[in-house]
Amino acid sequence: VALGWGKLQLEKIVLISPPADLVG
């Protein structure tokens, strides 16, 4: 989300067990 909002700039990211559906 920080990347999407432009608050964070990264070359790479590792997401471990991320949620895709917060409501669910």
mmCIF file of all heavy atoms, coordinates in Angstrom:
data_MODEL
# 
_entry.id   MODEL 
# 
loop_
_atom_site.group_PDB 
_atom_site.id 
_atom_site.type_symbol 
_atom_site.label_atom_id 
_atom_site.label_alt_id 
_atom_site.label_comp_id 
_atom_site.label_asym_id 
_atom_site.label_entity_id 
_atom_site.label_seq_id 
_atom_site.pdbx_PDB_ins_code 
_atom_site.Cartn_x 
_atom_site.Cartn_y 
_atom_site.Cartn_z 
_atom_site.occupancy 
_atom_site.B_iso_or_equiv 
_atom_site.pdbx_formal_charge 
_atom_site.auth_seq_id 
_atom_site.auth_comp_id 
_atom_site.auth_asym_id 
_atom_site.auth_atom_id 
_atom_site.pdbx_PDB_model_num 
ATOM 1   N N   . VAL A 1 1  ? 0.838   -1.200  0.000  1.00 0.00 ? 1  VAL A N   1 
ATOM 2   C CA  . VAL A 1 1  ? 0.000   0.000   0.000  1.00 0.00 ? 1  VAL A CA  1 
ATOM 3   C C   . VAL A 1 1  ? 0.875   1.252   0.000  1.00 0.00 ? 1  VAL A C   1 
ATOM 4   O O   . VAL A 1 1  ? 0.611   2.214   -0.730 1.00 0.00 ? 1  VAL A O   1 
ATOM 5   C CB  . VAL A 1 1  ? -0.979  -0.013  1.200  1.00 0.00 ? 1  VAL A CB  1 
ATOM 6   C CG1 . VAL A 1 1  ? -1.633  1.340   1.399  1.00 0.00 ? 1  VAL A CG1 1 
ATOM 7   C CG2 . VAL A 1 1  ? -2.036  -1.097  0.999  1.00 0.00 ? 1  VAL A CG2 1 
ATOM 8   N N   . ALA A 1 2  ? 1.955   1.257   0.790  1.00 0.00 ? 2  ALA A N   1 
ATOM 9   C CA  . ALA A 1 2  ? 2.878   2.402   0.802  1.00 0.00 ? 2  ALA A CA  1 
ATOM 10  C C   . ALA A 1 2  ? 3.480   2.623   -0.584 1.00 0.00 ? 2  ALA A C   1 
ATOM 11  O O   . ALA A 1 2  ? 3.630   3.766   -1.024 1.00 0.00 ? 2  ALA A O   1 
ATOM 12  C CB  . ALA A 1 2  ? 3.970   2.192   1.843  1.00 0.00 ? 2  ALA A CB  1 
ATOM 13  N N   . LEU A 1 3  ? 3.809   1.544   -1.274 1.00 0.00 ? 3  LEU A N   1 
ATOM 14  C CA  . LEU A 1 3  ? 4.299   1.662   -2.654 1.00 0.00 ? 3  LEU A CA  1 
ATOM 15  C C   . LEU A 1 3  ? 3.224   2.268   -3.547 1.00 0.00 ? 3  LEU A C   1 
ATOM 16  O O   . LEU A 1 3  ? 3.493   3.172   -4.336 1.00 0.00 ? 3  LEU A O   1 
ATOM 17  C CB  . LEU A 1 3  ? 4.688   0.286   -3.199 1.00 0.00 ? 3  LEU A CB  1 
ATOM 18  C CG  . LEU A 1 3  ? 6.037   -0.281  -2.794 1.00 0.00 ? 3  LEU A CG  1 
ATOM 19  C CD1 . LEU A 1 3  ? 6.125   -1.749  -3.191 1.00 0.00 ? 3  LEU A CD1 1 
ATOM 20  C CD2 . LEU A 1 3  ? 7.168   0.502   -3.425 1.00 0.00 ? 3  LEU A CD2 1 
ATOM 21  N N   . GLY A 1 4  ? 2.006   1.757   -3.419 1.00 0.00 ? 4  GLY A N   1 
ATOM 22  C CA  . GLY A 1 4  ? 0.902   2.232   -4.244 1.00 0.00 ? 4  GLY A CA  1 
ATOM 23  C C   . GLY A 1 4  ? 0.561   3.690   -4.009 1.00 0.00 ? 4  GLY A C   1 
ATOM 24  O O   . GLY A 1 4  ? 0.155   4.395   -4.922 1.00 0.00 ? 4  GLY A O   1 
ATOM 25  N N   . TRP A 1 5  ? 0.739   4.155   -2.778 1.00 0.00 ? 5  TRP A N   1 
ATOM 26  C CA  . TRP A 1 5  ? 0.463   5.545   -2.432 1.00 0.00 ? 5  TRP A CA  1 
ATOM 27  C C   . TRP A 1 5  ? 1.634   6.468   -2.766 1.00 0.00 ? 5  TRP A C   1 
ATOM 28  O O   . TRP A 1 5  ? 1.557   7.671   -2.545 1.00 0.00 ? 5  TRP A O   1 
ATOM 29  C CB  . TRP A 1 5  ? 0.125   5.669   -0.956 1.00 0.00 ? 5  TRP A CB  1 
ATOM 30  C CG  . TRP A 1 5  ? -1.223  5.129   -0.583 1.00 0.00 ? 5  TRP A CG  1 
ATOM 31  C CD1 . TRP A 1 5  ? -2.224  4.734   -1.430 1.00 0.00 ? 5  TRP A CD1 1 
ATOM 32  C CD2 . TRP A 1 5  ? -1.723  4.934   0.742  1.00 0.00 ? 5  TRP A CD2 1 
ATOM 33  N NE1 . TRP A 1 5  ? -3.308  4.299   -0.709 1.00 0.00 ? 5  TRP A NE1 1 
ATOM 34  C CE2 . TRP A 1 5  ? -3.030  4.415   0.619  1.00 0.00 ? 5  TRP A CE2 1 
ATOM 35  C CE3 . TRP A 1 5  ? -1.186  5.132   2.009  1.00 0.00 ? 5  TRP A CE3 1 
ATOM 36  C CZ2 . TRP A 1 5  ? -3.815  4.113   1.732  1.00 0.00 ? 5  TRP A CZ2 1 
ATOM 37  C CZ3 . TRP A 1 5  ? -1.960  4.820   3.108  1.00 0.00 ? 5  TRP A CZ3 1 
ATOM 38  C CH2 . TRP A 1 5  ? -3.270  4.316   2.970  1.00 0.00 ? 5  TRP A CH2 1 
ATOM 39  N N   . GLY A 1 6  ? 2.748   5.892   -3.243 1.00 0.00 ? 6  GLY A N   1 
ATOM 40  C CA  . GLY A 1 6  ? 3.914   6.698   -3.576 1.00 0.00 ? 6  GLY A CA  1 
ATOM 41  C C   . GLY A 1 6  ? 4.711   7.160   -2.371 1.00 0.00 ? 6  GLY A C   1 
ATOM 42  O O   . GLY A 1 6  ? 5.566   8.033   -2.481 1.00 0.00 ? 6  GLY A O   1 
ATOM 43  N N   . LYS A 1 7  ? 4.477   6.557   -1.217 1.00 0.00 ? 7  LYS A N   1 
ATOM 44  C CA  . LYS A 1 7  ? 5.208   6.932   0.000  1.00 0.00 ? 7  LYS A CA  1 
ATOM 45  C C   . LYS A 1 7  ? 6.513   6.163   0.150  1.00 0.00 ? 7  LYS A C   1 
ATOM 46  O O   . LYS A 1 7  ? 7.331   6.491   1.000  1.00 0.00 ? 7  LYS A O   1 
ATOM 47  C CB  . LYS A 1 7  ? 4.340   6.659   1.239  1.00 0.00 ? 7  LYS A CB  1 
ATOM 48  C CG  . LYS A 1 7  ? 3.122   7.541   1.344  1.00 0.00 ? 7  LYS A CG  1 
ATOM 49  C CD  . LYS A 1 7  ? 2.382   7.251   2.623  1.00 0.00 ? 7  LYS A CD  1 
ATOM 50  C CE  . LYS A 1 7  ? 1.234   8.223   2.805  1.00 0.00 ? 7  LYS A CE  1 
ATOM 51  N NZ  . LYS A 1 7  ? 0.613   8.077   4.123  1.00 0.00 ? 7  LYS A NZ  1 
ATOM 52  N N   . LEU A 1 8  ? 6.683   5.117   -0.643 1.00 0.00 ? 8  LEU A N   1 
ATOM 53  C CA  . LEU A 1 8  ? 7.827   4.228   -0.514 1.00 0.00 ? 8  LEU A CA  1 
ATOM 54  C C   . LEU A 1 8  ? 8.330   3.883   -1.906 1.00 0.00 ? 8  LEU A C   1 
ATOM 55  O O   . LEU A 1 8  ? 7.539   3.615   -2.804 1.00 0.00 ? 8  LEU A O   1 
ATOM 56  C CB  . LEU A 1 8  ? 7.371   2.953   0.229  1.00 0.00 ? 8  LEU A CB  1 
ATOM 57  C CG  . LEU A 1 8  ? 8.390   1.881   0.557  1.00 0.00 ? 8  LEU A CG  1 
ATOM 58  C CD1 . LEU A 1 8  ? 9.457   2.421   1.510  1.00 0.00 ? 8  LEU A CD1 1 
ATOM 59  C CD2 . LEU A 1 8  ? 7.690   0.682   1.197  1.00 0.00 ? 8  LEU A CD2 1 
ATOM 60  N N   . GLN A 1 9  ? 9.647   3.928   -2.068 1.00 0.00 ? 9  GLN A N   1 
ATOM 61  C CA  . GLN A 1 9  ? 10.262  3.540   -3.335 1.00 0.00 ? 9  GLN A CA  1 
ATOM 62  C C   . GLN A 1 9  ? 11.164  2.345   -3.060 1.00 0.00 ? 9  GLN A C   1 
ATOM 63  O O   . GLN A 1 9  ? 12.047  2.418   -2.204 1.00 0.00 ? 9  GLN A O   1 
ATOM 64  C CB  . GLN A 1 9  ? 11.099  4.700   -3.903 1.00 0.00 ? 9  GLN A CB  1 
ATOM 65  C CG  . GLN A 1 9  ? 10.305  5.961   -4.150 1.00 0.00 ? 9  GLN A CG  1 
ATOM 66  C CD  . GLN A 1 9  ? 9.229   5.774   -5.205 1.00 0.00 ? 9  GLN A CD  1 
ATOM 67  O OE1 . GLN A 1 9  ? 9.441   5.119   -6.209 1.00 0.00 ? 9  GLN A OE1 1 
ATOM 68  N NE2 . GLN A 1 9  ? 8.069   6.354   -4.962 1.00 0.00 ? 9  GLN A NE2 1 
ATOM 69  N N   . LEU A 1 10 ? 10.936  1.256   -3.765 1.00 0.00 ? 10 LEU A N   1 
ATOM 70  C CA  . LEU A 1 10 ? 11.725  0.046   -3.583 1.00 0.00 ? 10 LEU A CA  1 
ATOM 71  C C   . LEU A 1 10 ? 12.093  -0.549  -4.932 1.00 0.00 ? 10 LEU A C   1 
ATOM 72  O O   . LEU A 1 10 ? 11.381  -0.356  -5.907 1.00 0.00 ? 10 LEU A O   1 
ATOM 73  C CB  . LEU A 1 10 ? 10.925  -1.015  -2.811 1.00 0.00 ? 10 LEU A CB  1 
ATOM 74  C CG  . LEU A 1 10 ? 10.468  -0.716  -1.402 1.00 0.00 ? 10 LEU A CG  1 
ATOM 75  C CD1 . LEU A 1 10 ? 9.559   -1.833  -0.907 1.00 0.00 ? 10 LEU A CD1 1 
ATOM 76  C CD2 . LEU A 1 10 ? 11.648  -0.528  -0.477 1.00 0.00 ? 10 LEU A CD2 1 
ATOM 77  N N   . GLU A 1 11 ? 13.175  -1.315  -4.930 1.00 0.00 ? 11 GLU A N   1 
ATOM 78  C CA  . GLU A 1 11 ? 13.504  -2.100  -6.110 1.00 0.00 ? 11 GLU A CA  1 
ATOM 79  C C   . GLU A 1 11 ? 12.817  -3.456  -6.035 1.00 0.00 ? 11 GLU A C   1 
ATOM 80  O O   . GLU A 1 11 ? 12.352  -3.977  -7.038 1.00 0.00 ? 11 GLU A O   1 
ATOM 81  C CB  . GLU A 1 11 ? 15.018  -2.292  -6.206 1.00 0.00 ? 11 GLU A CB  1 
ATOM 82  C CG  . GLU A 1 11 ? 15.769  -1.012  -6.478 1.00 0.00 ? 11 GLU A CG  1 
ATOM 83  C CD  . GLU A 1 11 ? 17.272  -1.182  -6.419 1.00 0.00 ? 11 GLU A CD  1 
ATOM 84  O OE1 . GLU A 1 11 ? 17.763  -2.339  -6.284 1.00 0.00 ? 11 GLU A OE1 1 
ATOM 85  O OE2 . GLU A 1 11 ? 17.979  -0.161  -6.502 1.00 0.00 ? 11 GLU A OE2 1 
ATOM 86  N N   . LYS A 1 12 ? 12.776  -4.033  -4.809 1.00 0.00 ? 12 LYS A N   1 
ATOM 87  C CA  . LYS A 1 12 ? 12.222  -5.377  -4.637 1.00 0.00 ? 12 LYS A CA  1 
ATOM 88  C C   . LYS A 1 12 ? 11.430  -5.453  -3.343 1.00 0.00 ? 12 LYS A C   1 
ATOM 89  O O   . LYS A 1 12 ? 11.688  -4.727  -2.389 1.00 0.00 ? 12 LYS A O   1 
ATOM 90  C CB  . LYS A 1 12 ? 13.345  -6.414  -4.612 1.00 0.00 ? 12 LYS A CB  1 
ATOM 91  C CG  . LYS A 1 12 ? 14.107  -6.492  -5.921 1.00 0.00 ? 12 LYS A CG  1 
ATOM 92  C CD  . LYS A 1 12 ? 15.212  -7.502  -5.854 1.00 0.00 ? 12 LYS A CD  1 
ATOM 93  C CE  . LYS A 1 12 ? 15.987  -7.511  -7.172 1.00 0.00 ? 12 LYS A CE  1 
ATOM 94  N NZ  . LYS A 1 12 ? 17.148  -8.364  -7.118 1.00 0.00 ? 12 LYS A NZ  1 
ATOM 95  N N   . ILE A 1 13 ? 10.478  -6.387  -3.345 1.00 0.00 ? 13 ILE A N   1 
ATOM 96  C CA  . ILE A 1 13 ? 9.662   -6.630  -2.158 1.00 0.00 ? 13 ILE A CA  1 
ATOM 97  C C   . ILE A 1 13 ? 9.360   -8.117  -2.076 1.00 0.00 ? 13 ILE A C   1 
ATOM 98  O O   . ILE A 1 13 ? 9.129   -8.766  -3.098 1.00 0.00 ? 13 ILE A O   1 
ATOM 99  C CB  . ILE A 1 13 ? 8.357   -5.792  -2.192 1.00 0.00 ? 13 ILE A CB  1 
ATOM 100 C CG1 . ILE A 1 13 ? 7.556   -5.952  -0.896 1.00 0.00 ? 13 ILE A CG1 1 
ATOM 101 C CG2 . ILE A 1 13 ? 7.519   -6.120  -3.412 1.00 0.00 ? 13 ILE A CG2 1 
ATOM 102 C CD1 . ILE A 1 13 ? 6.411   -4.961  -0.757 1.00 0.00 ? 13 ILE A CD1 1 
ATOM 103 N N   . VAL A 1 14 ? 9.409   -8.643  -0.853 1.00 0.00 ? 14 VAL A N   1 
ATOM 104 C CA  . VAL A 1 14 ? 9.034   -10.035 -0.600 1.00 0.00 ? 14 VAL A CA  1 
ATOM 105 C C   . VAL A 1 14 ? 7.814   -10.000 0.307  1.00 0.00 ? 14 VAL A C   1 
ATOM 106 O O   . VAL A 1 14 ? 7.863   -9.446  1.409  1.00 0.00 ? 14 VAL A O   1 
ATOM 107 C CB  . VAL A 1 14 ? 10.178  -10.832 0.058  1.00 0.00 ? 14 VAL A CB  1 
ATOM 108 C CG1 . VAL A 1 14 ? 9.734   -12.264 0.337  1.00 0.00 ? 14 VAL A CG1 1 
ATOM 109 C CG2 . VAL A 1 14 ? 11.431  -10.810 -0.819 1.00 0.00 ? 14 VAL A CG2 1 
ATOM 110 N N   . LEU A 1 15 ? 6.721   -10.560 -0.178 1.00 0.00 ? 15 LEU A N   1 
ATOM 111 C CA  . LEU A 1 15 ? 5.469   -10.607 0.579  1.00 0.00 ? 15 LEU A CA  1 
ATOM 112 C C   . LEU A 1 15 ? 5.248   -12.046 1.026  1.00 0.00 ? 15 LEU A C   1 
ATOM 113 O O   . LEU A 1 15 ? 5.116   -12.941 0.187  1.00 0.00 ? 15 LEU A O   1 
ATOM 114 C CB  . LEU A 1 15 ? 4.308   -10.148 -0.294 1.00 0.00 ? 15 LEU A CB  1 
ATOM 115 C CG  . LEU A 1 15 ? 4.441   -8.736  -0.837 1.00 0.00 ? 15 LEU A CG  1 
ATOM 116 C CD1 . LEU A 1 15 ? 3.894   -8.648  -2.234 1.00 0.00 ? 15 LEU A CD1 1 
ATOM 117 C CD2 . LEU A 1 15 ? 3.760   -7.764  0.066  1.00 0.00 ? 15 LEU A CD2 1 
ATOM 118 N N   . ILE A 1 16 ? 5.211   -12.261 2.315  1.00 0.00 ? 16 ILE A N   1 
ATOM 119 C CA  . ILE A 1 16 ? 5.024   -13.602 2.852  1.00 0.00 ? 16 ILE A CA  1 
ATOM 120 C C   . ILE A 1 16 ? 3.618   -13.703 3.418  1.00 0.00 ? 16 ILE A C   1 
ATOM 121 O O   . ILE A 1 16 ? 3.235   -12.921 4.298  1.00 0.00 ? 16 ILE A O   1 
ATOM 122 C CB  . ILE A 1 16 ? 6.084   -13.918 3.925  1.00 0.00 ? 16 ILE A CB  1 
ATOM 123 C CG1 . ILE A 1 16 ? 7.474   -13.766 3.307  1.00 0.00 ? 16 ILE A CG1 1 
ATOM 124 C CG2 . ILE A 1 16 ? 5.876   -15.315 4.490  1.00 0.00 ? 16 ILE A CG2 1 
ATOM 125 C CD1 . ILE A 1 16 ? 8.576   -13.730 4.309  1.00 0.00 ? 16 ILE A CD1 1 
ATOM 126 N N   . SER A 1 17 ? 2.843   -14.618 2.876  1.00 0.00 ? 17 SER A N   1 
ATOM 127 C CA  . SER A 1 17 ? 1.463   -14.856 3.309  1.00 0.00 ? 17 SER A CA  1 
ATOM 128 C C   . SER A 1 17 ? 0.616   -13.584 3.284  1.00 0.00 ? 17 SER A C   1 
ATOM 129 O O   . SER A 1 17 ? -0.086  -13.275 4.253  1.00 0.00 ? 17 SER A O   1 
ATOM 130 C CB  . SER A 1 17 ? 1.438   -15.459 4.716  1.00 0.00 ? 17 SER A CB  1 
ATOM 131 O OG  . SER A 1 17 ? 2.313   -16.552 4.822  1.00 0.00 ? 17 SER A OG  1 
ATOM 132 N N   . PRO A 1 18 ? 0.625   -12.841 2.184  1.00 0.00 ? 18 PRO A N   1 
ATOM 133 C CA  . PRO A 1 18 ? -0.133  -11.584 2.155  1.00 0.00 ? 18 PRO A CA  1 
ATOM 134 C C   . PRO A 1 18 ? -1.626  -11.805 1.953  1.00 0.00 ? 18 PRO A C   1 
ATOM 135 O O   . PRO A 1 18 ? -2.034  -12.746 1.286  1.00 0.00 ? 18 PRO A O   1 
ATOM 136 C CB  . PRO A 1 18 ? 0.460   -10.861 0.942  1.00 0.00 ? 18 PRO A CB  1 
ATOM 137 C CG  . PRO A 1 18 ? 0.795   -11.973 0.003  1.00 0.00 ? 18 PRO A CG  1 
ATOM 138 C CD  . PRO A 1 18 ? 1.307   -13.090 0.901  1.00 0.00 ? 18 PRO A CD  1 
ATOM 139 N N   . PRO A 1 19 ? -2.438  -10.909 2.497  1.00 0.00 ? 19 PRO A N   1 
ATOM 140 C CA  . PRO A 1 19 ? -3.873  -10.981 2.244  1.00 0.00 ? 19 PRO A CA  1 
ATOM 141 C C   . PRO A 1 19 ? -4.210  -10.356 0.896  1.00 0.00 ? 19 PRO A C   1 
ATOM 142 O O   . PRO A 1 19 ? -3.583  -9.393  0.476  1.00 0.00 ? 19 PRO A O   1 
ATOM 143 C CB  . PRO A 1 19 ? -4.473  -10.148 3.378  1.00 0.00 ? 19 PRO A CB  1 
ATOM 144 C CG  . PRO A 1 19 ? -3.416  -9.143  3.681  1.00 0.00 ? 19 PRO A CG  1 
ATOM 145 C CD  . PRO A 1 19 ? -2.105  -9.847  3.444  1.00 0.00 ? 19 PRO A CD  1 
ATOM 146 N N   . ALA A 1 20 ? -5.200  -10.902 0.236  1.00 0.00 ? 20 ALA A N   1 
ATOM 147 C CA  . ALA A 1 20 ? -5.685  -10.326 -1.014 1.00 0.00 ? 20 ALA A CA  1 
ATOM 148 C C   . ALA A 1 20 ? -7.064  -9.710  -0.821 1.00 0.00 ? 20 ALA A C   1 
ATOM 149 O O   . ALA A 1 20 ? -7.469  -8.854  -1.585 1.00 0.00 ? 20 ALA A O   1 
ATOM 150 C CB  . ALA A 1 20 ? -5.750  -11.397 -2.112 1.00 0.00 ? 20 ALA A CB  1 
ATOM 151 N N   . ASP A 1 21 ? -7.771  -10.135 0.210  1.00 0.00 ? 21 ASP A N   1 
ATOM 152 C CA  . ASP A 1 21 ? -9.163  -9.730  0.426  1.00 0.00 ? 21 ASP A CA  1 
ATOM 153 C C   . ASP A 1 21 ? -9.343  -9.419  1.907  1.00 0.00 ? 21 ASP A C   1 
ATOM 154 O O   . ASP A 1 21 ? -9.516  -10.320 2.727  1.00 0.00 ? 21 ASP A O   1 
ATOM 155 C CB  . ASP A 1 21 ? -10.070 -10.891 -0.020 1.00 0.00 ? 21 ASP A CB  1 
ATOM 156 C CG  . ASP A 1 21 ? -11.531 -10.696 0.342  1.00 0.00 ? 21 ASP A CG  1 
ATOM 157 O OD1 . ASP A 1 21 ? -11.926 -9.568  0.695  1.00 0.00 ? 21 ASP A OD1 1 
ATOM 158 O OD2 . ASP A 1 21 ? -12.287 -11.677 0.264  1.00 0.00 ? 21 ASP A OD2 1 
ATOM 159 N N   . LEU A 1 22 ? -9.296  -8.139  2.266  1.00 0.00 ? 22 LEU A N   1 
ATOM 160 C CA  . LEU A 1 22 ? -9.381  -7.751  3.672  1.00 0.00 ? 22 LEU A CA  1 
ATOM 161 C C   . LEU A 1 22 ? -10.756 -8.010  4.274  1.00 0.00 ? 22 LEU A C   1 
ATOM 162 O O   . LEU A 1 22 ? -10.867 -8.410  5.428  1.00 0.00 ? 22 LEU A O   1 
ATOM 163 C CB  . LEU A 1 22 ? -9.022  -6.272  3.833  1.00 0.00 ? 22 LEU A CB  1 
ATOM 164 C CG  . LEU A 1 22 ? -7.592  -5.895  3.454  1.00 0.00 ? 22 LEU A CG  1 
ATOM 165 C CD1 . LEU A 1 22 ? -7.385  -4.394  3.603  1.00 0.00 ? 22 LEU A CD1 1 
ATOM 166 C CD2 . LEU A 1 22 ? -6.584  -6.669  4.273  1.00 0.00 ? 22 LEU A CD2 1 
ATOM 167 N N   . VAL A 1 23 ? -11.794 -7.798  3.508  1.00 0.00 ? 23 VAL A N   1 
ATOM 168 C CA  . VAL A 1 23 ? -13.144 -8.038  4.020  1.00 0.00 ? 23 VAL A CA  1 
ATOM 169 C C   . VAL A 1 23 ? -13.322 -9.529  4.314  1.00 0.00 ? 23 VAL A C   1 
ATOM 170 O O   . VAL A 1 23 ? -13.813 -9.915  5.380  1.00 0.00 ? 23 VAL A O   1 
ATOM 171 C CB  . VAL A 1 23 ? -14.223 -7.524  3.046  1.00 0.00 ? 23 VAL A CB  1 
ATOM 172 C CG1 . VAL A 1 23 ? -15.608 -7.912  3.520  1.00 0.00 ? 23 VAL A CG1 1 
ATOM 173 C CG2 . VAL A 1 23 ? -14.115 -6.011  2.898  1.00 0.00 ? 23 VAL A CG2 1 
ATOM 174 N N   . GLY A 1 24 ? -12.912 -10.374 3.378  1.00 0.00 ? 24 GLY A N   1 
ATOM 175 C CA  . GLY A 1 24 ? -12.999 -11.813 3.595  1.00 0.00 ? 24 GLY A CA  1 
ATOM 176 C C   . GLY A 1 24 ? -12.179 -12.267 4.785  1.00 0.00 ? 24 GLY A C   1 
ATOM 177 O O   . GLY A 1 24 ? -12.620 -13.096 5.591  1.00 0.00 ? 24 GLY A O   1 
# 
